[in-house]
N, C-alpha and C. Protein backbone atom coordinates (compact mmCIF):
# COMPACT_ATOMS: atom_id res chain seq x y z
N MET A 1 130.17 51.25 -164.49
CA MET A 1 130.47 50.14 -165.02
C MET A 1 129.24 49.63 -165.89
N LYS A 2 129.37 49.39 -167.16
CA LYS A 2 128.29 49.04 -168.05
C LYS A 2 128.62 47.84 -168.73
N GLN A 3 127.64 46.57 -169.08
CA GLN A 3 127.85 45.44 -169.78
C GLN A 3 127.55 46.17 -170.98
N VAL A 4 128.00 45.50 -172.14
CA VAL A 4 127.90 45.61 -173.69
C VAL A 4 127.40 44.21 -174.25
N HIS A 5 126.19 44.14 -174.71
CA HIS A 5 125.69 43.09 -175.17
C HIS A 5 125.07 43.19 -176.74
N THR A 6 125.09 42.11 -177.69
CA THR A 6 124.81 42.21 -178.85
C THR A 6 124.31 40.84 -179.47
N GLU A 7 123.36 40.56 -180.23
CA GLU A 7 123.11 39.68 -180.67
C GLU A 7 124.03 38.87 -182.02
N HIS A 8 124.57 39.92 -182.28
CA HIS A 8 125.75 40.04 -183.35
C HIS A 8 126.88 39.35 -183.16
N ALA A 9 127.13 39.20 -181.97
CA ALA A 9 128.05 38.20 -181.37
C ALA A 9 127.89 37.27 -180.55
N PRO A 10 128.91 35.94 -180.45
CA PRO A 10 128.30 34.61 -179.76
C PRO A 10 127.78 34.99 -178.33
N LEU A 11 127.26 34.48 -177.95
CA LEU A 11 126.51 34.90 -176.87
C LEU A 11 127.47 33.86 -175.80
N PRO A 12 127.85 34.93 -174.72
CA PRO A 12 128.55 34.13 -173.28
C PRO A 12 128.17 32.98 -173.28
N ALA A 13 129.03 31.75 -173.14
CA ALA A 13 128.75 30.52 -172.62
C ALA A 13 128.95 29.97 -171.07
N GLY A 14 129.86 31.14 -170.25
CA GLY A 14 130.05 31.44 -169.09
C GLY A 14 129.81 32.31 -168.49
N TYR A 15 130.21 32.54 -167.16
CA TYR A 15 129.91 33.96 -166.50
C TYR A 15 130.83 35.24 -166.59
N TYR A 16 130.11 35.62 -167.85
CA TYR A 16 131.17 36.66 -168.30
C TYR A 16 130.43 37.43 -169.34
N ALA A 17 130.72 39.09 -169.51
CA ALA A 17 130.03 39.85 -170.69
C ALA A 17 130.83 39.87 -171.55
N GLN A 18 130.11 40.13 -172.74
CA GLN A 18 130.65 40.24 -174.00
C GLN A 18 131.50 41.27 -173.90
N GLY A 19 131.55 42.22 -173.35
CA GLY A 19 132.12 43.53 -173.28
C GLY A 19 131.93 44.20 -172.01
N VAL A 20 132.39 45.05 -171.43
CA VAL A 20 132.48 45.92 -170.25
C VAL A 20 133.05 47.22 -171.04
N THR A 21 132.29 48.25 -170.40
CA THR A 21 132.40 49.62 -170.66
C THR A 21 132.90 50.41 -168.96
N HIS A 22 134.32 51.23 -169.02
CA HIS A 22 134.47 51.87 -167.85
C HIS A 22 135.23 52.74 -168.01
N ARG A 23 134.88 53.91 -167.60
CA ARG A 23 136.05 55.35 -167.72
C ARG A 23 136.46 55.34 -169.08
N GLY A 24 135.46 55.45 -170.11
CA GLY A 24 135.78 55.89 -171.42
C GLY A 24 136.30 54.46 -172.59
N LEU A 25 136.47 53.37 -171.83
CA LEU A 25 137.11 52.28 -172.48
C LEU A 25 135.82 51.06 -172.34
N LEU A 26 136.43 50.32 -173.45
CA LEU A 26 135.54 49.19 -173.95
C LEU A 26 136.22 47.97 -173.55
N TYR A 27 136.23 46.84 -172.68
CA TYR A 27 137.03 45.96 -172.91
C TYR A 27 136.26 44.74 -173.26
N VAL A 28 136.59 44.32 -174.57
CA VAL A 28 135.91 43.10 -175.08
C VAL A 28 136.43 41.76 -174.94
N SER A 29 135.45 40.83 -173.96
CA SER A 29 136.27 39.48 -173.72
C SER A 29 136.70 38.91 -174.88
N GLY A 30 137.54 37.80 -174.66
CA GLY A 30 137.89 36.76 -175.72
C GLY A 30 136.72 36.24 -176.50
N GLN A 31 137.09 36.65 -178.05
CA GLN A 31 136.33 35.83 -178.79
C GLN A 31 136.67 34.91 -179.69
N LEU A 32 135.85 33.95 -179.35
CA LEU A 32 136.37 32.76 -180.36
C LEU A 32 135.78 32.99 -181.76
N PRO A 33 136.22 32.37 -182.72
CA PRO A 33 135.52 32.39 -184.12
C PRO A 33 134.44 31.35 -184.14
N ILE A 34 133.17 31.66 -183.17
CA ILE A 34 132.11 31.05 -183.22
C ILE A 34 131.21 32.14 -184.12
N VAL A 35 130.48 31.82 -185.13
CA VAL A 35 129.34 32.43 -185.88
C VAL A 35 128.12 32.32 -184.92
N PRO A 36 127.65 33.65 -184.62
CA PRO A 36 126.61 34.17 -183.95
C PRO A 36 125.54 33.17 -183.95
N ALA A 37 124.83 32.65 -183.18
CA ALA A 37 123.51 32.10 -183.32
C ALA A 37 123.60 30.65 -183.55
N GLN A 38 124.95 30.24 -183.87
CA GLN A 38 125.31 28.92 -184.21
C GLN A 38 125.94 27.78 -182.69
N PRO A 39 125.79 26.95 -182.70
CA PRO A 39 126.49 26.11 -181.80
C PRO A 39 128.01 26.24 -182.31
N PRO A 40 128.78 25.97 -181.13
CA PRO A 40 130.36 26.21 -181.23
C PRO A 40 130.54 24.73 -182.29
N ALA A 41 131.41 24.74 -183.15
CA ALA A 41 131.99 23.94 -184.20
C ALA A 41 132.75 22.89 -183.40
N GLY A 42 133.16 22.78 -182.06
CA GLY A 42 133.52 21.70 -181.42
C GLY A 42 135.19 21.38 -182.21
N VAL A 43 135.62 20.28 -182.04
CA VAL A 43 136.86 19.79 -182.59
C VAL A 43 136.96 20.01 -184.03
N ALA A 44 135.84 20.05 -184.71
CA ALA A 44 136.14 19.89 -185.97
C ALA A 44 136.16 21.69 -186.70
N SER A 45 136.32 22.29 -185.76
CA SER A 45 136.59 23.63 -185.98
C SER A 45 138.45 23.43 -186.47
N ALA A 46 139.13 22.56 -186.24
CA ALA A 46 140.40 22.77 -186.52
C ALA A 46 140.66 22.24 -188.17
N VAL A 47 139.36 21.58 -188.63
CA VAL A 47 139.68 21.88 -190.04
C VAL A 47 139.39 22.89 -190.83
N VAL A 48 138.62 24.09 -190.06
CA VAL A 48 138.49 25.38 -190.59
C VAL A 48 139.59 26.17 -190.81
N PRO A 49 140.12 26.62 -192.02
CA PRO A 49 141.52 27.29 -192.11
C PRO A 49 141.42 28.68 -191.19
N ILE A 50 142.43 28.55 -190.42
CA ILE A 50 143.26 29.21 -189.46
C ILE A 50 142.46 30.94 -190.11
N ASP A 51 142.89 31.35 -191.26
CA ASP A 51 142.46 32.73 -191.61
C ASP A 51 141.22 33.19 -191.60
N GLN A 52 140.42 32.18 -191.86
CA GLN A 52 138.75 32.12 -192.01
C GLN A 52 138.31 32.09 -190.04
N GLN A 53 139.11 31.37 -189.12
CA GLN A 53 138.80 31.68 -187.59
C GLN A 53 139.35 32.78 -187.76
N THR A 54 140.36 33.40 -187.82
CA THR A 54 141.04 34.68 -187.73
C THR A 54 139.70 35.95 -187.90
N ARG A 55 139.21 35.78 -189.13
CA ARG A 55 138.23 36.68 -189.53
C ARG A 55 137.17 36.69 -188.65
N GLN A 56 136.64 35.51 -188.57
CA GLN A 56 135.30 35.34 -187.76
C GLN A 56 135.68 35.92 -186.06
N ALA A 57 136.63 35.75 -185.62
CA ALA A 57 136.94 36.19 -184.05
C ALA A 57 136.70 37.67 -184.24
N LEU A 58 137.80 38.11 -185.43
CA LEU A 58 137.59 39.69 -185.14
C LEU A 58 136.24 40.22 -185.58
N ALA A 59 135.41 39.68 -186.35
CA ALA A 59 133.99 40.13 -186.77
C ALA A 59 133.21 40.19 -185.64
N ASN A 60 133.47 39.10 -184.58
CA ASN A 60 132.64 38.79 -183.50
C ASN A 60 133.19 40.32 -182.02
N VAL A 61 134.56 40.51 -182.34
CA VAL A 61 135.02 41.64 -181.67
C VAL A 61 134.55 42.72 -182.54
N LYS A 62 134.31 43.10 -183.69
CA LYS A 62 134.03 44.24 -184.00
C LYS A 62 132.42 44.34 -183.70
N ALA A 63 131.64 43.26 -184.01
CA ALA A 63 130.15 43.37 -183.71
C ALA A 63 130.01 43.82 -181.88
N ILE A 64 131.01 43.77 -181.30
CA ILE A 64 130.53 44.23 -179.51
C ILE A 64 131.17 45.58 -179.78
N VAL A 65 132.04 45.82 -180.32
CA VAL A 65 132.51 47.01 -180.39
C VAL A 65 131.76 48.09 -181.08
N GLU A 66 130.92 48.00 -182.08
CA GLU A 66 129.99 48.77 -182.76
C GLU A 66 129.08 48.54 -181.83
N ALA A 67 128.53 47.70 -180.80
CA ALA A 67 127.18 47.59 -179.85
C ALA A 67 127.64 48.65 -179.05
N ALA A 68 128.80 48.99 -178.67
CA ALA A 68 129.10 49.89 -177.61
C ALA A 68 128.89 51.47 -178.14
N GLY A 69 129.09 51.57 -179.38
CA GLY A 69 129.01 52.60 -179.88
C GLY A 69 130.36 53.30 -180.47
N ALA A 70 131.54 52.14 -180.69
CA ALA A 70 132.50 52.37 -181.42
C ALA A 70 132.59 51.95 -182.33
N SER A 71 134.01 51.97 -183.03
CA SER A 71 134.59 51.52 -184.31
C SER A 71 135.91 50.75 -184.54
N LEU A 72 136.18 49.79 -185.27
CA LEU A 72 137.39 48.99 -185.04
C LEU A 72 138.50 50.05 -185.27
N SER A 73 138.28 51.01 -185.62
CA SER A 73 139.42 52.29 -185.53
C SER A 73 139.75 53.04 -184.41
N SER A 74 138.89 52.60 -183.15
CA SER A 74 138.82 53.15 -181.97
C SER A 74 139.94 52.07 -180.96
N VAL A 75 139.98 50.65 -181.53
CA VAL A 75 140.53 49.49 -180.62
C VAL A 75 141.99 50.36 -180.41
N ILE A 76 142.26 50.08 -179.64
CA ILE A 76 143.74 50.42 -179.11
C ILE A 76 144.69 49.19 -178.53
N LYS A 77 144.10 48.24 -178.21
CA LYS A 77 144.94 46.87 -178.17
C LYS A 77 144.32 45.65 -178.07
N THR A 78 144.89 44.79 -178.59
CA THR A 78 144.46 43.58 -178.96
C THR A 78 145.48 42.29 -178.41
N THR A 79 144.92 41.38 -177.71
CA THR A 79 145.58 40.21 -177.60
C THR A 79 145.13 38.82 -178.19
N VAL A 80 146.08 38.55 -179.11
CA VAL A 80 145.60 37.42 -179.73
C VAL A 80 146.58 36.07 -179.12
N TYR A 81 145.35 34.80 -178.83
CA TYR A 81 146.12 33.81 -178.67
C TYR A 81 145.73 32.84 -179.56
N VAL A 82 147.12 32.46 -179.87
CA VAL A 82 147.01 31.21 -181.23
C VAL A 82 147.48 29.83 -180.52
N SER A 83 146.94 28.89 -180.86
CA SER A 83 147.34 27.53 -180.55
C SER A 83 148.74 26.84 -180.79
N ASP A 84 149.07 27.73 -182.27
CA ASP A 84 150.43 27.09 -182.88
C ASP A 84 150.98 28.30 -183.27
N VAL A 85 152.26 28.83 -182.69
CA VAL A 85 152.86 29.84 -183.27
C VAL A 85 153.38 29.68 -184.51
N ALA A 86 153.12 28.17 -185.44
CA ALA A 86 153.55 28.11 -186.53
C ALA A 86 152.45 28.76 -187.57
N LEU A 87 151.14 28.90 -186.93
CA LEU A 87 149.93 29.69 -187.63
C LEU A 87 150.20 31.15 -187.72
N TRP A 88 151.14 31.76 -187.13
CA TRP A 88 151.16 33.21 -187.15
C TRP A 88 151.08 33.72 -188.27
N PRO A 89 152.07 33.37 -189.15
CA PRO A 89 151.84 34.35 -190.53
C PRO A 89 150.45 34.28 -191.29
N ASP A 90 149.86 33.28 -191.26
CA ASP A 90 148.30 33.45 -191.94
C ASP A 90 147.61 34.13 -190.78
N VAL A 91 147.64 34.12 -189.25
CA VAL A 91 146.99 34.95 -188.58
C VAL A 91 147.31 36.03 -188.77
N ASN A 92 148.46 36.40 -189.09
CA ASN A 92 148.59 38.17 -189.17
C ASN A 92 148.34 38.59 -190.27
N SER A 93 148.43 37.89 -191.50
CA SER A 93 148.01 38.47 -192.58
C SER A 93 146.72 38.35 -192.63
N ALA A 94 145.51 37.50 -192.16
CA ALA A 94 143.95 37.75 -192.32
C ALA A 94 143.81 38.92 -191.28
N TYR A 95 144.58 39.14 -190.08
CA TYR A 95 144.37 40.46 -189.33
C TYR A 95 144.41 41.48 -190.33
N ALA A 96 145.74 41.69 -190.88
CA ALA A 96 146.28 42.86 -191.36
C ALA A 96 144.86 43.14 -192.48
N THR A 97 144.59 42.11 -193.14
CA THR A 97 143.72 42.63 -194.03
C THR A 97 142.36 42.82 -193.49
N PHE A 98 141.70 42.18 -192.62
CA PHE A 98 140.62 42.56 -191.86
C PHE A 98 140.54 44.06 -191.33
N PHE A 99 141.65 44.31 -190.68
CA PHE A 99 141.77 45.84 -190.17
C PHE A 99 141.62 46.94 -191.45
N GLU A 100 142.41 46.74 -192.75
CA GLU A 100 142.90 47.29 -193.72
C GLU A 100 141.66 47.47 -194.31
N GLU A 101 140.24 46.59 -194.31
CA GLU A 101 139.31 46.23 -195.01
C GLU A 101 138.14 47.12 -193.91
N HIS A 102 138.08 47.06 -192.84
CA HIS A 102 137.20 47.70 -191.71
C HIS A 102 137.68 48.86 -190.81
N ALA A 103 138.83 49.17 -190.93
CA ALA A 103 139.42 50.33 -190.25
C ALA A 103 140.60 51.13 -190.71
N ALA A 104 140.23 51.18 -192.14
CA ALA A 104 141.26 52.04 -192.92
C ALA A 104 142.79 51.90 -192.51
N ASN A 105 143.52 50.67 -192.52
CA ASN A 105 144.75 50.30 -192.20
C ASN A 105 144.97 50.72 -190.55
N HIS A 106 144.18 50.69 -189.68
CA HIS A 106 144.58 51.08 -188.40
C HIS A 106 144.93 49.96 -187.72
N ARG A 107 146.08 50.34 -186.72
CA ARG A 107 147.21 49.45 -186.23
C ARG A 107 147.04 49.40 -184.93
N PRO A 108 146.19 48.69 -184.37
CA PRO A 108 146.06 48.80 -182.99
C PRO A 108 147.50 48.16 -182.13
N ALA A 109 148.06 48.75 -180.95
CA ALA A 109 148.83 47.82 -180.25
C ALA A 109 148.46 45.99 -179.98
N ARG A 110 149.48 45.39 -180.36
CA ARG A 110 148.85 43.91 -180.10
C ARG A 110 149.99 42.87 -179.37
N ALA A 111 149.40 42.00 -178.74
CA ALA A 111 150.38 41.05 -178.19
C ALA A 111 149.55 39.70 -178.68
N VAL A 112 150.70 38.35 -178.96
CA VAL A 112 150.48 37.73 -179.30
C VAL A 112 150.88 36.35 -178.27
N VAL A 113 149.66 35.27 -178.26
CA VAL A 113 150.12 34.55 -176.91
C VAL A 113 150.07 33.06 -177.24
N PRO A 114 151.13 32.62 -177.71
CA PRO A 114 150.79 31.09 -178.41
C PRO A 114 150.56 30.20 -176.87
N CYS A 115 149.74 29.42 -177.35
CA CYS A 115 149.04 28.42 -175.81
C CYS A 115 148.68 27.26 -176.61
N LYS A 116 148.65 26.16 -175.87
CA LYS A 116 148.32 24.70 -176.62
C LYS A 116 147.25 24.52 -176.85
N THR A 117 146.21 24.88 -175.93
CA THR A 117 144.92 24.53 -176.40
C THR A 117 143.86 25.57 -175.95
N LEU A 118 142.74 25.97 -177.04
CA LEU A 118 141.72 26.59 -176.75
C LEU A 118 140.53 26.04 -176.69
N HIS A 119 139.40 26.52 -176.06
CA HIS A 119 137.73 25.98 -175.81
C HIS A 119 137.62 25.74 -177.10
N PHE A 120 136.54 24.55 -177.23
CA PHE A 120 136.14 23.57 -178.28
C PHE A 120 136.91 23.29 -179.57
N GLY A 121 138.21 23.46 -179.33
CA GLY A 121 139.14 22.84 -180.06
C GLY A 121 139.40 23.92 -181.35
N TYR A 122 139.08 25.21 -180.89
CA TYR A 122 139.52 26.64 -181.98
C TYR A 122 140.96 26.75 -181.73
N GLN A 123 141.39 27.61 -182.72
CA GLN A 123 142.95 27.86 -182.81
C GLN A 123 143.27 29.15 -182.60
N ILE A 124 142.33 30.22 -182.17
CA ILE A 124 142.62 31.41 -182.10
C ILE A 124 141.12 31.85 -181.24
N GLU A 125 141.52 32.71 -180.72
CA GLU A 125 140.63 33.81 -179.57
C GLU A 125 141.44 35.48 -179.47
N ILE A 126 140.37 36.22 -179.73
CA ILE A 126 141.03 37.68 -179.28
C ILE A 126 140.35 38.57 -178.61
N GLU A 127 140.92 39.20 -177.96
CA GLU A 127 140.32 40.00 -177.26
C GLU A 127 140.88 41.30 -177.52
N ALA A 128 140.10 42.58 -176.71
CA ALA A 128 140.56 43.76 -177.25
C ALA A 128 140.02 45.09 -176.20
N VAL A 129 140.71 46.38 -176.48
CA VAL A 129 140.44 47.30 -175.72
C VAL A 129 140.13 47.97 -176.34
N THR A 130 139.11 49.10 -176.51
CA THR A 130 138.52 49.96 -177.39
C THR A 130 138.49 51.49 -176.62
N VAL A 131 138.71 52.32 -177.17
CA VAL A 131 138.37 54.09 -176.55
C VAL A 131 136.84 54.20 -176.99
N LEU A 132 135.99 54.47 -176.46
CA LEU A 132 134.95 55.02 -176.83
C LEU A 132 134.69 56.41 -177.04
N PRO A 133 133.56 56.73 -178.00
CA PRO A 133 133.63 57.91 -178.40
C PRO A 133 133.08 58.89 -177.24
N GLU A 134 133.54 60.16 -177.46
CA GLU A 134 132.91 61.23 -176.32
C GLU A 134 131.61 61.40 -176.06
N PRO A 135 131.02 61.40 -175.24
CA PRO A 135 129.37 61.65 -175.35
C PRO A 135 129.10 62.67 -175.97
N SER A 136 128.12 62.92 -176.65
CA SER A 136 127.72 64.20 -177.17
C SER A 136 127.18 65.29 -176.30
N ALA A 137 127.16 66.43 -176.04
CA ALA A 137 126.11 67.14 -175.25
C ALA A 137 124.86 67.53 -175.72
């Protein structure tokens, strides 16, 4: 196993790695919509529209995936935690647009988990599993 680290995604605020590789897969820890190198927005994050929060969380996932040498088109599964299922249409639209723009319409498997509260008052958190490229000989 190997930890993945990048300055282009928020640094872990707890005892976890941004990502961990194992047997050809990358497991990306849940990413909140935190802008790297900035402190979390706290409860004020609820005033940031959910589509912007979705894009930022996905940008953080993308940065970690790329730091491991893969791309968004290699993501095989995401789990999306959202604070209110009523936000789902806007989340789904921003998610689809992000993958269309950055991964040529790639559609990974996905689970959506409505939950009441996320850290720092954010409305979304996204984790991912990615296939790593084969090592070159």
